[in-house]
Amino acid sequence: MGKLVESTFMSLNGVIESPQEWSPPYWDDEHAGYARTLLFEADALLLGRATYEGFAQAWPTRSGDEYTDRINAMPKHVASHTLEDATWNATIIEGDVAEAVAGLKEGASLLKFGTGELDRTLLEHNLLDELHLWIFPVLAGGGRRLIDGALAAPDADCGGEEEDEDDDREQDPQDEQHLPIVGSCDGREHRPNRVISATASCGSLSAGVGG
């Protein structure tokens, strides 16, 4: 049985939108090594439509290093109700997304970039195994926050416009009450039972996802 890991960039004030505007100064060798580990432990990518469309425009034009060559060669599975065609070794998931992802996990480990409405489906069906939050020591001036999306209660009024349910965001989890947080600045990961883990500039952050 494989696992589903999600990787998301987040500012100190919880913003996950437009990380390319505030995270690059911290993309050092440690960052690159951790990103490589996540990618090379996965057999395929799971992406929402928005993340897929952004990645499919950028990554195929690059080559020459092992990370780029790996991400370009990997199979991708895209969850979308609106996308009709896919390139970049991608397949659009048809039918029930939860059932399809569960089937994929039977034979492969998946890496998902971006947090959005797809996560609500994944969490409702107990499919997300780890959430890696890259916490950057910056305060973003505005933008979508993690708790405004997948971590918000289903009936919560978080303001703003209703989003397309397949609109995961680039670098963009059972109910919030099921996410006990354990953090440290000692550089070590804490891994309770099934884990949502995260890396920060000061060390690591972990949260359990239930039994």
C-alpha atoms as a PDB file:
ATOM      1  CA  MET A   1       0.000   0.000   0.000  1.00  0.00           C
ATOM      2  CA  GLY A   2       1.381   3.387  -0.990  1.00  0.00           C
ATOM      3  CA  LYS A   3       0.818   6.683   0.776  1.00  0.00           C
ATOM      4  CA  LEU A   4      -0.359  10.150  -0.236  1.00  0.00           C
ATOM      5  CA  VAL A   5       1.896  13.039   0.797  1.00  0.00           C
ATOM      6  CA  GLU A   6       1.021  16.705   0.291  1.00  0.00           C
ATOM      7  CA  SER A   7       3.602  19.490   0.137  1.00  0.00           C
ATOM      8  CA  THR A   8       2.563  23.109   0.752  1.00  0.00           C
ATOM      9  CA  PHE A   9       4.456  26.379   1.241  1.00  0.00           C
ATOM     10  CA  MET A  10       3.075  28.623   3.984  1.00  0.00           C
ATOM     11  CA  SER A  11       4.040  31.987   5.473  1.00  0.00           C
ATOM     12  CA  LEU A  12       4.139  32.653   9.219  1.00  0.00           C
ATOM     13  CA  ASN A  13       0.649  34.163   9.032  1.00  0.00           C
ATOM     14  CA  GLY A  14      -0.769  31.138   7.239  1.00  0.00           C
ATOM     15  CA  VAL A  15      -0.812  32.403   3.629  1.00  0.00           C
ATOM     16  CA  ILE A  16      -0.336  29.729   0.938  1.00  0.00           C
ATOM     17  CA  GLU A  17      -1.077  31.831  -2.145  1.00  0.00           C
ATOM     18  CA  SER A  18       1.660  33.116  -4.503  1.00  0.00           C
ATOM     19  CA  PRO A  19       4.634  31.596  -2.619  1.00  0.00           C
ATOM     20  CA  GLN A  20       6.887  32.512  -5.539  1.00  0.00           C
ATOM     21  CA  GLU A  21       6.649  36.089  -4.280  1.00  0.00           C
ATOM     22  CA  TRP A  22       7.952  35.461  -0.742  1.00  0.00           C
ATOM     23  CA  SER A  23       9.664  32.056  -0.512  1.00  0.00           C
ATOM     24  CA  PRO A  24      12.628  32.116  -3.001  1.00  0.00           C
ATOM     25  CA  PRO A  25      15.136  33.790  -0.621  1.00  0.00           C
ATOM     26  CA  TYR A  26      14.956  30.639   1.519  1.00  0.00           C
ATOM     27  CA  TRP A  27      15.472  28.078  -1.252  1.00  0.00           C
ATOM     28  CA  ASP A  28      18.872  26.906  -0.016  1.00  0.00           C
ATOM     29  CA  ASP A  29      20.631  23.537  -0.162  1.00  0.00           C
ATOM     30  CA  GLU A  30      18.610  22.203   2.775  1.00  0.00           C
ATOM     31  CA  HIS A  31      15.396  23.181   0.991  1.00  0.00           C
ATOM     32  CA  ALA A  32      16.538  21.497  -2.222  1.00  0.00           C
ATOM     33  CA  GLY A  33      17.499  18.319  -0.403  1.00  0.00           C
ATOM     34  CA  TYR A  34      14.168  18.020   1.388  1.00  0.00           C
ATOM     35  CA  ALA A  35      12.246  18.698  -1.830  1.00  0.00           C
ATOM     36  CA  ARG A  36      14.280  16.046  -3.609  1.00  0.00           C
ATOM     37  CA  THR A  37      13.524  13.490  -0.899  1.00  0.00           C
ATOM     38  CA  LEU A  38       9.774  14.076  -1.183  1.00  0.00           C
ATOM     39  CA  LEU A  39       9.834  13.827  -4.969  1.00  0.00           C
ATOM     40  CA  PHE A  40      12.035  10.742  -5.232  1.00  0.00           C
ATOM     41  CA  GLU A  41      10.012   8.851  -2.608  1.00  0.00           C
ATOM     42  CA  ALA A  42       6.900   9.223  -4.787  1.00  0.00           C
ATOM     43  CA  ASP A  43       5.909   7.128  -7.782  1.00  0.00           C
ATOM     44  CA  ALA A  44       3.464   9.655  -9.271  1.00  0.00           C
ATOM     45  CA  LEU A  45       1.958  13.103  -8.735  1.00  0.00           C
ATOM     46  CA  LEU A  46      -1.628  13.939  -7.765  1.00  0.00           C
ATOM     47  CA  LEU A  47      -2.621  17.465  -8.787  1.00  0.00           C
ATOM     48  CA  GLY A  48      -5.653  19.721  -8.826  1.00  0.00           C
ATOM     49  CA  ARG A  49      -6.443  21.553 -12.052  1.00  0.00           C
ATOM     50  CA  ALA A  50      -4.881  24.922 -11.218  1.00  0.00           C
ATOM     51  CA  THR A  51      -1.619  23.415  -9.996  1.00  0.00           C
ATOM     52  CA  TYR A  52      -1.468  21.081 -12.988  1.00  0.00           C
ATOM     53  CA  GLU A  53      -1.985  23.917 -15.473  1.00  0.00           C
ATOM     54  CA  GLY A  54       0.733  26.030 -13.856  1.00  0.00           C
ATOM     55  CA  PHE A  55       3.215  23.177 -13.655  1.00  0.00           C
ATOM     56  CA  ALA A  56       2.485  21.931 -17.186  1.00  0.00           C
ATOM     57  CA  GLN A  57       3.414  25.346 -18.566  1.00  0.00           C
ATOM     58  CA  ALA A  58       6.637  25.709 -16.599  1.00  0.00           C
ATOM     59  CA  TRP A  59       8.302  22.337 -16.064  1.00  0.00           C
ATOM     60  CA  PRO A  60       8.398  20.855 -19.611  1.00  0.00           C
ATOM     61  CA  THR A  61      10.567  23.782 -20.739  1.00  0.00           C
ATOM     62  CA  ARG A  62      13.273  22.835 -18.231  1.00  0.00           C
ATOM     63  CA  SER A  63      15.820  20.004 -18.162  1.00  0.00           C
ATOM     64  CA  GLY A  64      19.325  19.123 -17.141  1.00  0.00           C
ATOM     65  CA  ASP A  65      19.096  18.347 -13.423  1.00  0.00           C
ATOM     66  CA  GLU A  66      17.814  15.246 -11.661  1.00  0.00           C
ATOM     67  CA  TYR A  67      14.870  16.952  -9.936  1.00  0.00           C
ATOM     68  CA  THR A  68      13.561  18.472 -13.174  1.00  0.00           C
ATOM     69  CA  ASP A  69      14.096  15.291 -15.162  1.00  0.00           C
ATOM     70  CA  ARG A  70      12.323  13.274 -12.475  1.00  0.00           C
ATOM     71  CA  ILE A  71       9.244  15.506 -12.203  1.00  0.00           C
ATOM     72  CA  ASN A  72       8.897  15.694 -15.981  1.00  0.00           C
ATOM     73  CA  ALA A  73       9.101  11.909 -16.388  1.00  0.00           C
ATOM     74  CA  MET A  74       6.712  10.970 -13.571  1.00  0.00           C
ATOM     75  CA  PRO A  75       3.087  10.047 -14.299  1.00  0.00           C
ATOM     76  CA  LYS A  76       0.571  12.659 -13.126  1.00  0.00           C
ATOM     77  CA  HIS A  77      -3.050  12.206 -12.093  1.00  0.00           C
ATOM     78  CA  VAL A  78      -5.211  15.324 -12.305  1.00  0.00           C
ATOM     79  CA  ALA A  79      -8.464  15.745 -10.375  1.00  0.00           C
ATOM     80  CA  SER A  80     -10.725  18.098 -12.307  1.00  0.00           C
ATOM     81  CA  HIS A  81     -14.353  18.390 -13.354  1.00  0.00           C
ATOM     82  CA  THR A  82     -13.578  20.904 -16.110  1.00  0.00           C
ATOM     83  CA  LEU A  83     -10.284  19.885 -17.733  1.00  0.00           C
ATOM     84  CA  GLU A  84     -10.810  18.068 -21.026  1.00  0.00           C
ATOM     85  CA  ASP A  85      -7.290  17.382 -22.264  1.00  0.00           C
ATOM     86  CA  ALA A  86      -3.997  16.773 -20.505  1.00  0.00           C
ATOM     87  CA  THR A  87      -0.353  16.642 -21.564  1.00  0.00           C
ATOM     88  CA  TRP A  88       2.919  16.269 -19.599  1.00  0.00           C
ATOM     89  CA  ASN A  89       2.417  12.548 -18.865  1.00  0.00           C
ATOM     90  CA  ALA A  90      -0.881  13.393 -17.177  1.00  0.00           C
ATOM     91  CA  THR A  91      -4.159  11.499 -16.924  1.00  0.00           C
ATOM     92  CA  ILE A  92      -7.421  13.153 -15.910  1.00  0.00           C
ATOM     93  CA  ILE A  93      -9.162  11.231 -13.146  1.00  0.00           C
ATOM     94  CA  GLU A  94     -12.615  10.112 -14.259  1.00  0.00           C
ATOM     95  CA  GLY A  95     -15.537   9.173 -12.063  1.00  0.00           C
ATOM     96  CA  ASP A  96     -15.330   9.209  -8.269  1.00  0.00           C
ATOM     97  CA  VAL A  97     -12.097  10.934  -7.193  1.00  0.00           C
ATOM     98  CA  ALA A  98     -11.885   9.298  -3.771  1.00  0.00           C
ATOM     99  CA  GLU A  99     -12.332   5.840  -5.251  1.00  0.00           C
ATOM    100  CA  ALA A 100      -9.747   6.558  -7.937  1.00  0.00           C
ATOM    101  CA  VAL A 101      -7.157   7.866  -5.470  1.00  0.00           C
ATOM    102  CA  ALA A 102      -7.714   4.898  -3.165  1.00  0.00           C
ATOM    103  CA  GLY A 103      -7.083   2.622  -6.143  1.00  0.00           C
ATOM    104  CA  LEU A 104      -3.906   4.479  -7.082  1.00  0.00           C
ATOM    105  CA  LYS A 105      -2.583   4.131  -3.547  1.00  0.00           C
ATOM    106  CA  GLU A 106      -2.943   0.361  -3.769  1.00  0.00           C
ATOM    107  CA  GLY A 107       0.090   0.259  -6.009  1.00  0.00           C
ATOM    108  CA  ALA A 108       1.914   3.569  -5.732  1.00  0.00           C
ATOM    109  CA  SER A 109       2.943   6.394  -3.426  1.00  0.00           C
ATOM    110  CA  LEU A 110       1.629   9.798  -4.493  1.00  0.00           C
ATOM    111  CA  LEU A 111       2.948  13.331  -3.998  1.00  0.00           C
ATOM    112  CA  LYS A 112       0.460  16.208  -4.165  1.00  0.00           C
ATOM    113  CA  PHE A 113       1.388  19.870  -4.587  1.00  0.00           C
ATOM    114  CA  GLY A 114      -1.189  22.492  -3.648  1.00  0.00           C
ATOM    115  CA  THR A 115      -3.956  22.741  -1.073  1.00  0.00           C
ATOM    116  CA  GLY A 116      -7.582  23.327  -2.020  1.00  0.00           C
ATOM    117  CA  GLU A 117     -11.049  21.853  -2.190  1.00  0.00           C
ATOM    118  CA  LEU A 118      -9.707  18.486  -3.326  1.00  0.00           C
ATOM    119  CA  ASP A 119      -8.245  18.064   0.150  1.00  0.00           C
ATOM    120  CA  ARG A 120     -11.693  18.061   1.716  1.00  0.00           C
ATOM    121  CA  THR A 121     -12.572  14.995  -0.355  1.00  0.00           C
ATOM    122  CA  LEU A 122      -9.266  13.314   0.451  1.00  0.00           C
ATOM    123  CA  LEU A 123      -9.678  13.908   4.175  1.00  0.00           C
ATOM    124  CA  GLU A 124     -13.309  12.870   4.299  1.00  0.00           C
ATOM    125  CA  HIS A 125     -12.227   9.505   2.894  1.00  0.00           C
ATOM    126  CA  ASN A 126      -9.105   9.227   5.055  1.00  0.00           C
ATOM    127  CA  LEU A 127      -6.788   9.267   2.036  1.00  0.00           C
ATOM    128  CA  LEU A 128      -4.221  11.931   2.980  1.00  0.00           C
ATOM    129  CA  ASP A 129      -1.369  10.410   4.975  1.00  0.00           C
ATOM    130  CA  GLU A 130       1.083  13.292   5.406  1.00  0.00           C
ATOM    131  CA  LEU A 131       0.918  17.074   5.017  1.00  0.00           C
ATOM    132  CA  HIS A 132       4.345  18.677   4.782  1.00  0.00           C
ATOM    133  CA  LEU A 133       4.082  22.390   5.561  1.00  0.00           C
ATOM    134  CA  TRP A 134       7.089  24.444   4.527  1.00  0.00           C
ATOM    135  CA  ILE A 135       6.838  27.345   6.988  1.00  0.00           C
ATOM    136  CA  PHE A 136       8.780  30.399   5.805  1.00  0.00           C
ATOM    137  CA  PRO A 137       9.844  33.192   8.208  1.00  0.00           C
ATOM    138  CA  VAL A 138       7.918  35.903   6.368  1.00  0.00           C
ATOM    139  CA  LEU A 139       4.576  37.679   6.826  1.00  0.00           C
ATOM    140  CA  ALA A 140       2.662  37.708   3.533  1.00  0.00           C
ATOM    141  CA  GLY A 141       0.600  40.853   3.001  1.00  0.00           C
ATOM    142  CA  GLY A 142      -2.452  39.000   1.786  1.00  0.00           C
ATOM    143  CA  GLY A 143      -3.767  35.995  -0.067  1.00  0.00           C
ATOM    144  CA  ARG A 144      -5.528  32.728   0.573  1.00  0.00           C
ATOM    145  CA  ARG A 145      -4.713  31.092   3.891  1.00  0.00           C
ATOM    146  CA  LEU A 146      -4.495  27.399   4.699  1.00  0.00           C
ATOM    147  CA  ILE A 147      -7.318  27.511   7.259  1.00  0.00           C
ATOM    148  CA  ASP A 148      -9.588  29.347   4.816  1.00  0.00           C
ATOM    149  CA  GLY A 149      -9.614  26.329   2.529  1.00  0.00           C
ATOM    150  CA  ALA A 150      -9.366  22.643   3.279  1.00  0.00           C
ATOM    151  CA  LEU A 151      -8.896  23.101   7.030  1.00  0.00           C
ATOM    152  CA  ALA A 152     -12.038  25.211   7.463  1.00  0.00           C
ATOM    153  CA  ALA A 153     -15.174  23.497   8.724  1.00  0.00           C
ATOM    154  CA  PRO A 154     -17.501  22.576   5.828  1.00  0.00           C
ATOM    155  CA  ASP A 155     -20.202  25.011   6.969  1.00  0.00           C
ATOM    156  CA  ALA A 156     -17.857  27.817   7.977  1.00  0.00           C
ATOM    157  CA  ASP A 157     -18.257  31.241   6.381  1.00  0.00           C
ATOM    158  CA  CYS A 158     -14.671  32.239   5.671  1.00  0.00           C
ATOM    159  CA  GLY A 159     -15.573  35.132   3.394  1.00  0.00           C
ATOM    160  CA  GLY A 160     -14.527  35.592  -0.190  1.00  0.00           C
ATOM    161  CA  GLU A 161     -15.895  33.894  -3.260  1.00  0.00           C
ATOM    162  CA  GLU A 162     -16.809  30.241  -3.525  1.00  0.00           C
ATOM    163  CA  GLU A 163     -14.031  28.331  -5.269  1.00  0.00           C
ATOM    164  CA  ASP A 164     -14.033  25.730  -7.986  1.00  0.00           C
ATOM    165  CA  GLU A 165     -13.827  22.406  -6.174  1.00  0.00           C
ATOM    166  CA  ASP A 166     -10.904  21.281  -8.304  1.00  0.00           C
ATOM    167  CA  ASP A 167      -9.036  24.562  -7.860  1.00  0.00           C
ATOM    168  CA  ASP A 168      -6.027  23.456  -5.817  1.00  0.00           C
ATOM    169  CA  ARG A 169      -3.276  26.039  -5.660  1.00  0.00           C
ATOM    170  CA  GLU A 170       0.388  25.625  -6.431  1.00  0.00           C
ATOM    171  CA  GLN A 171       2.268  25.345  -3.126  1.00  0.00           C
ATOM    172  CA  ASP A 172      -0.784  26.206  -2.300  1.00  0.00           C
ATOM    173  CA  PRO A 173      -6.893  17.337   6.351  1.00  0.00           C
ATOM    174  CA  GLN A 174      -9.735  15.794   8.500  1.00  0.00           C
ATOM    175  CA  ASP A 175     -11.276  18.515  10.484  1.00  0.00           C
ATOM    176  CA  GLU A 176      -9.023  21.017  12.225  1.00  0.00           C
ATOM    177  CA  GLN A 177      -9.926  19.452  15.576  1.00  0.00           C
ATOM    178  CA  HIS A 178      -8.201  16.223  14.487  1.00  0.00           C
ATOM    179  CA  LEU A 179      -4.849  17.913  13.925  1.00  0.00           C
ATOM    180  CA  PRO A 180      -2.948  18.023  17.239  1.00  0.00           C
ATOM    181  CA  ILE A 181       0.184  20.046  16.517  1.00  0.00           C
ATOM    182  CA  VAL A 182       3.622  19.235  17.880  1.00  0.00           C
ATOM    183  CA  GLY A 183       6.456  21.571  16.931  1.00  0.00           C
ATOM    184  CA  SER A 184      10.173  21.929  17.594  1.00  0.00           C
ATOM    185  CA  CYS A 185      13.177  23.959  16.543  1.00  0.00           C
ATOM    186  CA  ASP A 186      15.658  21.136  17.065  1.00  0.00           C
ATOM    187  CA  GLY A 187      15.621  20.065  13.417  1.00  0.00           C
ATOM    188  CA  ARG A 188      13.970  16.715  14.143  1.00  0.00           C
ATOM    189  CA  GLU A 189      10.667  15.419  12.799  1.00  0.00           C
ATOM    190  CA  HIS A 190       8.101  14.191  15.311  1.00  0.00           C
ATOM    191  CA  ARG A 191       5.992  11.430  13.814  1.00  0.00           C
ATOM    192  CA  PRO A 192       2.920  10.338  15.788  1.00  0.00           C
ATOM    193  CA  ASN A 193       0.889   7.423  14.339  1.00  0.00           C
ATOM    194  CA  ARG A 194      -0.368   8.463  10.856  1.00  0.00           C
ATOM    195  CA  VAL A 195       1.275  11.803  10.345  1.00  0.00           C
ATOM    196  CA  ILE A 196       0.881  15.245   8.959  1.00  0.00           C
ATOM    197  CA  SER A 197       4.451  16.553   9.183  1.00  0.00           C
ATOM    198  CA  ALA A 198       5.985  19.864   8.270  1.00  0.00           C
ATOM    199  CA  THR A 199       9.343  21.518   7.906  1.00  0.00           C
ATOM    200  CA  ALA A 200      10.092  25.052   9.038  1.00  0.00           C
ATOM    201  CA  SER A 201      13.126  27.302   8.925  1.00  0.00           C
ATOM    202  CA  CYS A 202      13.702  26.578  12.626  1.00  0.00           C
ATOM    203  CA  GLY A 203      13.043  22.844  12.544  1.00  0.00           C
ATOM    204  CA  SER A 204      10.030  20.636  12.155  1.00  0.00           C
ATOM    205  CA  LEU A 205       6.311  20.562  12.835  1.00  0.00           C
ATOM    206  CA  SER A 206       4.094  17.506  12.961  1.00  0.00           C
ATOM    207  CA  ALA A 207       0.416  16.736  13.338  1.00  0.00           C
ATOM    208  CA  GLY A 208      -1.439  13.455  13.645  1.00  0.00           C
ATOM    209  CA  VAL A 209      -4.157  12.547  11.163  1.00  0.00           C
ATOM    210  CA  GLY A 210      -5.990   9.967  13.205  1.00  0.00           C
ATOM    211  CA  GLY A 211      -5.679   6.227  13.576  1.00  0.00           C
END
